[in-house]
Protein backbone atom coordinates (compact mmCIF):
# COMPACT_ATOMS: atom_id res chain seq x y z
CA MET A 1 -10.68 14.58 10.10
CA LEU A 2 -9.79 13.72 13.59
CA LEU A 3 -12.31 11.25 14.04
CA THR A 4 -12.41 9.63 18.07
CA ALA A 5 -11.65 6.24 18.57
CA ALA A 6 -15.37 5.64 18.48
CA THR A 7 -15.65 6.59 15.35
CA VAL A 8 -13.17 4.72 13.81
CA MET A 9 -14.31 1.40 15.63
CA ALA A 10 -17.80 1.75 14.55
CA ALA A 11 -16.39 2.00 10.79
CA ALA A 12 -14.63 -1.13 11.41
CA ASP A 13 -17.55 -3.16 12.00
CA VAL A 14 -18.94 -1.91 8.75
CA ALA A 15 -15.90 -1.67 6.65
CA SER A 16 -13.16 -3.90 7.90
CA ALA A 17 -9.13 -0.98 5.43
CA GLN A 18 -5.66 3.06 1.77
CA PRO A 19 -3.04 3.81 -1.49
CA ALA A 20 -0.34 6.04 -1.00
CA ALA A 21 -1.51 9.88 -0.17
CA PRO A 22 -1.91 12.20 -2.78
CA GLN A 23 1.04 14.13 -3.83
CA GLU A 24 -0.55 17.61 -2.79
CA ALA A 25 -2.85 16.80 -0.06
CA PRO A 26 -4.85 20.11 0.87
CA ALA A 27 -5.00 20.85 4.47
CA SER A 28 -7.13 19.07 7.16
CA THR A 29 -9.03 22.06 8.03
CA GLY A 30 -11.84 23.89 7.28
CA ASP A 31 -14.51 23.31 4.66
CA ALA A 32 -12.60 20.42 3.15
CA VAL A 33 -12.60 18.13 6.35
CA THR A 34 -16.62 18.71 6.86
CA ARG A 35 -16.93 17.66 3.51
CA ALA A 36 -14.48 14.61 3.81
CA ASP A 37 -16.23 14.02 6.89
CA ALA A 38 -19.83 13.71 4.95
CA PHE A 39 -18.35 11.48 2.14
CA PHE A 40 -16.49 9.27 4.84
CA ARG A 41 -20.00 8.72 6.93
CA GLN A 42 -22.16 8.44 3.71
CA GLY A 43 -19.50 5.42 2.63
CA LEU A 44 -19.92 3.31 5.73
CA ARG A 45 -23.62 3.59 5.47
CA LEU A 46 -23.23 1.97 1.65
CA TYR A 47 -20.89 -0.47 2.81
CA SER A 48 -22.91 -1.58 5.68
CA ASP A 49 -25.62 -2.26 2.44
CA LYS A 50 -22.92 -4.01 0.97
CA LYS A 51 -23.17 -1.51 -1.81
CA TYR A 52 -19.07 -1.39 -2.17
CA VAL A 53 -19.38 0.18 -5.41
CA GLU A 54 -21.15 3.29 -4.11
CA ALA A 55 -19.18 3.36 -0.99
CA GLU A 56 -15.71 3.56 -3.07
CA LYS A 57 -16.79 6.56 -4.60
CA GLU A 58 -17.78 8.03 -1.44
CA LEU A 59 -14.39 7.14 0.28
CA GLU A 60 -12.30 8.08 -2.35
CA SER A 61 -14.09 11.38 -2.57
CA ALA A 62 -13.14 11.67 1.33
CA TRP A 63 -9.50 10.42 0.94
CA GLU A 64 -8.90 13.15 -1.79
CA LEU A 65 -9.81 15.78 0.98
CA ASN A 66 -8.73 14.49 3.97
CA PRO A 67 -6.18 11.47 3.87
CA THR A 68 -6.54 10.02 6.85
CA PHE A 69 -5.57 6.50 8.60
CA ASP A 70 -9.30 5.94 9.12
CA VAL A 71 -10.57 6.82 5.53
CA ALA A 72 -7.22 4.49 4.46
CA TYR A 73 -8.50 1.26 6.48
CA ASN A 74 -12.27 1.37 5.62
CA LEU A 75 -11.17 2.14 1.59
CA GLY A 76 -9.05 -0.53 1.46
CA ASN A 77 -11.27 -2.69 3.03
CA THR A 78 -13.86 -1.56 0.37
CA LYS A 79 -11.12 -2.34 -2.29
CA TYR A 80 -10.79 -5.75 -0.95
CA GLN A 81 -14.34 -6.32 -1.33
CA LEU A 82 -14.28 -5.48 -4.54
CA LYS A 83 -11.42 -7.87 -5.18
CA LYS A 84 -9.09 -4.87 -6.42
CA HIS A 85 -6.02 -6.32 -4.77
CA LYS A 86 -3.65 -3.93 -5.92
CA GLU A 87 -5.46 -0.75 -4.52
CA ALA A 88 -6.58 -2.56 -1.17
CA ALA A 89 -2.86 -3.88 -0.65
CA GLN A 90 -1.69 0.16 -0.89
CA TYR A 91 -4.51 1.28 1.26
CA LEU A 92 -3.94 -1.37 3.89
CA SER A 93 -0.64 -0.82 3.58
CA PHE A 94 -0.57 3.03 4.62
CA ALA A 95 -3.12 2.34 7.49
CA LEU A 96 -0.63 -0.28 8.89
CA ARG A 97 2.54 2.24 8.63
CA ASN A 98 0.20 4.74 10.36
CA TRP A 99 -1.76 2.41 12.74
CA PRO A 100 -2.33 4.97 16.16
CA LEU A 101 -1.04 3.21 19.55
CA VAL A 102 -3.90 3.37 21.02
CA LYS A 103 -5.39 0.15 22.64
CA THR A 104 -9.20 1.20 21.47
CA VAL A 105 -8.15 0.31 17.86
CA ALA A 106 -5.82 -2.55 18.47
CA LYS A 107 -8.42 -5.19 18.33
CA LEU A 108 -8.96 -3.93 14.42
CA LYS A 109 -5.57 -4.67 13.30
CA PRO A 110 -5.59 -8.15 13.17
CA THR A 111 -8.20 -7.70 9.99
CA ALA A 112 -6.09 -5.10 8.40
CA GLU A 113 -3.11 -7.37 8.25
CA GLN A 114 -4.99 -10.61 7.13
CA ARG A 115 -6.54 -8.64 4.01
CA TYR A 116 -3.57 -6.98 3.62
CA ALA A 117 -2.01 -10.26 3.09
CA GLU A 118 -4.36 -11.52 1.21
CA SER A 119 -4.57 -8.67 -1.45
CA ARG A 120 -0.69 -8.44 -1.15
CA ALA A 121 -0.47 -12.42 -2.21
CA GLN A 122 -2.27 -11.73 -5.53
CA VAL A 123 0.04 -8.60 -6.73
CA GLY A 124 3.63 -7.69 -7.51
CA GLY A 125 5.68 -4.91 -5.01
CA ILE A 126 8.34 -2.43 -6.09
CA LYS A 127 10.82 -0.82 -3.91
CA VAL A 128 12.29 2.37 -5.61
CA SER A 129 14.78 4.32 -4.07
CA VAL A 130 16.51 7.29 -5.95
CA THR A 131 19.38 9.30 -5.16
CA ALA A 132 17.75 12.55 -5.79
CA ALA A 133 15.16 13.91 -3.28
CA GLY A 134 12.14 15.27 -4.32
CA ALA A 135 12.14 13.22 -7.54
CA GLU A 136 9.20 12.13 -9.20
CA VAL A 137 8.52 8.41 -9.76
CA LEU A 138 6.62 6.95 -12.59
CA VAL A 139 5.52 3.34 -12.99
CA ASP A 140 4.32 2.47 -16.42
CA GLY A 141 4.07 6.47 -17.16
CA LYS A 142 1.86 6.98 -14.40
CA ILE A 143 3.01 9.16 -11.61
CA VAL A 144 3.03 7.48 -8.20
CA GLY A 145 4.75 10.04 -5.86
CA GLN A 146 7.83 11.80 -5.07
CA THR A 147 11.15 10.63 -3.45
CA PRO A 148 11.46 9.45 -0.79
CA LEU A 149 8.42 7.08 -1.45
CA GLU A 150 7.23 4.90 1.96
CA GLY A 151 6.67 1.39 1.32
CA GLU A 152 6.17 -0.37 -1.65
CA VAL A 153 4.61 0.25 -4.86
CA PHE A 154 1.99 -2.38 -5.83
CA VAL A 155 1.87 -3.65 -9.57
CA ASP A 156 0.27 -6.50 -11.31
CA PRO A 157 2.69 -9.43 -12.01
CA GLY A 158 5.09 -9.22 -15.14
CA GLU A 159 7.58 -6.37 -16.38
CA HIS A 160 6.81 -2.81 -15.21
CA ARG A 161 9.19 0.49 -15.99
CA VAL A 162 10.08 2.61 -13.41
CA GLU A 163 11.44 6.42 -13.95
CA ALA A 164 12.48 9.01 -12.21
CA THR A 165 12.39 12.75 -13.32
CA HIS A 166 13.84 15.93 -11.93
CA PRO A 167 14.34 19.53 -13.10
CA ASP A 168 17.92 19.40 -12.02
CA TYR A 169 19.02 15.62 -13.06
CA GLU A 170 18.96 13.69 -15.86
CA PRO A 171 15.96 11.28 -16.20
CA ALA A 172 16.93 7.95 -14.97
CA SER A 173 14.47 4.47 -15.78
CA GLN A 174 14.97 0.80 -15.19
CA THR A 175 12.53 -1.93 -16.50
CA VAL A 176 11.78 -4.64 -13.84
CA GLY A 177 9.92 -8.04 -13.62
CA VAL A 178 8.14 -8.62 -10.79
CA ALA A 179 6.61 -12.14 -9.71
CA LYS A 180 3.22 -12.63 -8.14
CA GLY A 181 3.47 -12.34 -3.95
CA GLY A 182 7.30 -11.07 -5.17
CA THR A 183 9.11 -7.95 -4.39
CA ALA A 184 11.16 -6.04 -7.21
CA LYS A 185 13.92 -3.43 -5.51
CA VAL A 186 14.78 -0.82 -8.25
CA GLU A 187 17.89 2.00 -7.50
CA LEU A 188 17.88 4.89 -9.86
CA ALA A 189 21.13 6.82 -9.67
CA MET A 190 20.26 10.51 -11.41
CA ALA A 191 23.11 12.63 -12.51
CA LEU A 192 23.22 16.17 -11.88
CA ALA A 193 21.77 17.89 -15.47
CA LYS A 194 24.89 19.58 -17.57
CA ALA A 195 24.88 23.44 -18.10
CA GLU A 196 24.18 24.54 -21.10
CA PRO A 197 27.73 25.93 -22.89
CA ARG A 198 27.27 29.66 -23.27
CA ALA A 199 28.31 30.75 -27.13
CA SER A 200 30.28 34.07 -27.28
CA ALA A 201 32.84 36.21 -28.91
CA GLY A 202 36.54 35.84 -27.43
CA VAL A 203 38.60 38.72 -26.74
CA GLU A 204 41.92 39.98 -27.21
CA THR A 205 44.40 40.11 -23.95
CA GLY A 206 47.22 41.91 -23.13
CA GLY A 207 49.53 39.23 -24.95
CA GLY A 208 47.15 39.19 -27.84
CA THR A 209 46.11 35.66 -26.81
CA ARG A 210 42.15 35.03 -27.34
CA VAL A 211 40.44 33.80 -24.57
CA PRO A 212 36.98 32.29 -25.48
CA GLY A 213 33.85 33.61 -23.60
CA ALA A 214 36.15 36.61 -21.79
CA GLY A 215 34.00 39.72 -22.28
CA ALA A 216 33.12 42.59 -20.45
CA GLY A 217 33.27 41.34 -16.83
CA ALA A 218 33.80 37.69 -18.00
CA PRO A 219 36.97 35.89 -15.47
CA VAL A 220 40.35 36.25 -17.22
CA MET A 221 42.52 32.72 -17.52
CA GLY A 222 43.79 31.55 -14.33
CA GLN A 223 41.20 33.66 -12.55
CA PRO A 224 38.97 30.80 -10.20
CA VAL A 225 35.65 30.81 -10.74
CA MET A 226 33.10 30.68 -7.48
CA PRO A 227 30.74 27.81 -7.99
CA ILE A 228 27.28 28.66 -7.67
CA GLU A 229 25.70 26.79 -4.46
CA PRO A 230 22.89 24.82 -5.31
CA GLN A 231 19.26 25.66 -3.67
CA PRO A 232 17.83 23.25 -1.58
CA VAL A 233 15.11 21.39 -2.34
CA PRO A 234 12.20 22.65 -0.12
CA GLU A 235 10.73 19.95 2.35
CA LYS A 236 7.01 18.85 1.65
CA ARG A 237 5.25 19.09 5.12
CA ASN A 238 4.02 15.83 6.17
CA TRP A 239 0.18 16.29 7.74
CA VAL A 240 0.16 12.76 8.67
CA PRO A 241 2.13 13.10 11.97
CA VAL A 242 -0.08 16.00 12.90
CA ILE A 243 -3.46 13.97 12.22
CA ALA A 244 -2.40 11.03 14.21
CA LEU A 245 -1.21 12.94 17.10
CA GLY A 246 -4.44 14.70 17.48
CA ALA A 247 -6.33 11.75 17.09
CA ALA A 248 -4.26 10.19 19.90
CA SER A 249 -4.84 13.71 21.94
CA ALA A 250 -8.56 13.07 21.20
CA VAL A 251 -8.64 9.63 22.40
CA GLY A 252 -6.68 10.67 25.67
CA LEU A 253 -8.92 13.41 26.37
CA GLY A 254 -12.04 10.80 26.11
CA VAL A 255 -10.31 8.48 27.89
CA GLY A 256 -9.54 11.35 30.93
CA ILE A 257 -13.23 12.24 30.59
CA GLY A 258 -14.69 8.76 30.48
CA MET A 259 -12.48 8.10 33.82
CA THR A 260 -13.72 11.30 35.62
CA VAL A 261 -17.31 10.43 34.72
CA ALA A 262 -16.78 6.94 36.22
CA GLY A 263 -15.15 8.04 39.07
CA SER A 264 -17.75 10.54 40.01
CA ASN A 265 -20.37 8.02 40.03
CA VAL A 266 -18.34 5.57 42.10
CA LEU A 267 -18.06 8.33 44.68
CA ASP A 268 -21.65 9.21 44.65
CA ASP A 269 -22.25 5.60 45.61
CA VAL A 270 -19.10 5.59 48.29
CA HIS A 271 -21.18 8.72 49.68
CA ALA A 272 -24.51 7.03 49.80
CA GLN A 273 -23.43 3.67 51.45
CA ARG A 274 -21.41 5.80 54.31
CA GLN A 275 -24.45 7.90 55.08
CA SER A 276 -26.68 4.07 55.10
CA ILE A 277 -23.84 2.82 57.61
CA ARG A 278 -24.15 5.77 59.69
CA ASN A 279 -28.10 5.66 59.78
CA ALA A 280 -27.70 2.01 60.49
CA GLY A 281 -25.97 3.14 63.67
CA GLY A 282 -22.77 1.52 62.36
CA GLN A 283 -19.10 3.34 61.44
CA CYS A 284 -16.13 2.09 60.24
CA THR A 285 -13.22 3.21 61.96
CA LYS A 286 -13.60 -0.20 64.11
CA PRO A 287 -16.80 -1.69 62.52
CA SER A 288 -18.47 -4.02 64.69
CA ALA A 289 -19.13 -7.62 63.31
CA SER A 290 -22.52 -6.67 61.22
CA PHE A 291 -20.96 -3.87 59.68
CA VAL A 292 -17.64 -5.63 58.40
CA ASP A 293 -19.13 -6.43 55.02
CA ASP A 294 -20.36 -3.39 54.10
CA CYS A 295 -17.26 -1.36 55.50
CA ALA A 296 -15.34 -3.78 53.53
CA GLU A 297 -17.24 -2.47 50.28
CA LEU A 298 -17.03 1.00 51.35
CA SER A 299 -13.09 0.79 51.30
CA SER A 300 -12.99 -1.13 47.88
CA ALA A 301 -15.50 1.45 46.26
CA GLY A 302 -12.65 4.13 47.88
CA GLU A 303 -9.85 2.20 46.08
CA ARG A 304 -11.91 2.34 42.60
CA VAL A 305 -12.60 5.99 42.92
CA ASP A 306 -8.49 6.53 43.71
CA THR A 307 -7.86 4.25 40.49
CA PHE A 308 -10.37 6.18 38.41
CA GLY A 309 -9.05 9.16 39.09
CA HIS A 310 -4.95 8.58 38.83
CA VAL A 311 -5.95 7.07 35.18
CA ALA A 312 -8.03 10.11 34.68
CA GLY A 313 -5.22 12.36 35.65
CA ALA A 314 -2.48 10.47 33.21
CA ALA A 315 -5.06 10.58 30.58
CA TYR A 316 -5.41 14.44 30.70
CA VAL A 317 -1.51 14.63 30.67
CA ALA A 318 -0.87 12.36 27.69
CA SER A 319 -3.31 13.94 25.77
CA GLY A 320 -1.76 17.66 26.56
CA VAL A 321 1.29 16.21 25.36
CA LEU A 322 0.10 14.66 22.22
CA ALA A 323 -1.55 17.95 21.35
CA ALA A 324 1.51 19.63 22.16
CA ALA A 325 3.45 17.53 19.96
CA ALA A 326 1.27 18.16 17.14
CA LEU A 327 0.94 21.68 17.46
CA THR A 328 5.16 21.53 17.77
CA TYR A 329 5.25 19.61 14.66
CA ALA A 330 3.02 21.97 12.59
CA LEU A 331 4.43 25.03 13.52
CA TRP A 332 8.04 23.95 13.39
CA PRO A 333 9.73 25.52 10.24
CA ARG A 334 10.76 23.31 7.36
CA GLY A 335 13.70 23.16 4.84
CA GLU A 336 15.07 26.21 6.06
CA THR A 337 17.58 27.11 8.76
CA ARG A 338 16.62 28.93 11.66
CA THR A 339 18.46 32.54 12.47
CA ALA A 340 19.36 33.64 15.59
CA GLY A 341 16.32 35.00 17.63
CA GLN A 342 14.07 33.34 15.34
CA PRO A 343 10.85 32.36 17.49
CA ARG A 344 10.67 28.45 18.11
CA VAL A 345 7.70 26.56 19.43
CA VAL A 346 8.74 23.68 22.21
CA ALA A 347 6.16 21.36 23.85
CA THR A 348 6.63 21.05 27.61
CA ALA A 349 5.03 18.36 29.77
CA HIS A 350 4.94 18.05 33.57
CA PRO A 351 3.20 15.97 36.12
CA THR A 352 0.30 18.14 36.47
CA GLY A 353 -0.27 18.87 33.01
CA ALA A 354 1.22 19.81 29.47
CA GLY A 355 1.72 22.85 26.92
CA VAL A 356 3.93 25.07 24.26
CA VAL A 357 6.32 27.30 24.56
CA VAL A 358 7.69 29.80 22.72
CA LEU A 359 11.18 30.74 22.87
CA GLY A 360 12.89 33.78 20.84
CA ALA A 361 14.02 37.20 20.91
CA TRP A 362 12.17 40.64 20.17
């Protein structure tokens, strides 16, 4: 859900904050986005009516369909109002880690930081690191994500059991105590799972010695066995950067359009002022005393037109660059080695615009 900055701003007035994203978040396209947006807006309306329980349900539905910054921000604030500090800290932490770099939402950040700090002071945090990538992490038997985990896992003060499992590794676990407002670090080293020995009858070699496991096609003693190369763990695509870049691109486009409209309005005023001076028998090349002030105002208006034009141009270029970056990230291959000649997408930018270039051989 790539909501505009204005929508996020309106949401902030209603619901001033998100937990860690679901492990398998659906792509932010099509019907899922439309339904998520409907849940989101209904949640904001309920929040404005102080119906926090109902708002929580709607915003959680939006989060499950489309876990974005604005949903996290408002859902975290809803949890805060319900005094669910552990969940509030998780959602607000996500929102702050993914805060967009646009001025239009900058004034919302202090509220998020304050409410996160208040919620964080009431709970404990566990910072989990695991030697195996892609391992499933559980806290007290509940799945909290896959490694590497971003940020902390927030829990109630007390003892908690942290576990990590992976099909290719032996399980690892640790019990840790966490104080209120404190942080505990858990480092789990996972050893490769041992291969099950294969039982097979030995056969006689030329010298009469029986070599265990030496059947048809089996390696003879002294012959090196080539190790099997481990398969790389497929890299999961993180859609948060695409969402953030797309949102920033939309904001840049909005700023450019706004500056263009403002510049056009001022330009109309410039034409009207110039015509008024001419109708009064004046001119601004070497204005007479009675037209000095009018000509100065006309010159100032002209400078404003130039300023609006420069800002609009920069905003359009920035919007194009951000959109190109989002597209490049979305199309870039993950978890595989690019072979020679395989097409690749590269973002480009220049003073008059931006775009993408597809490189490759056909």
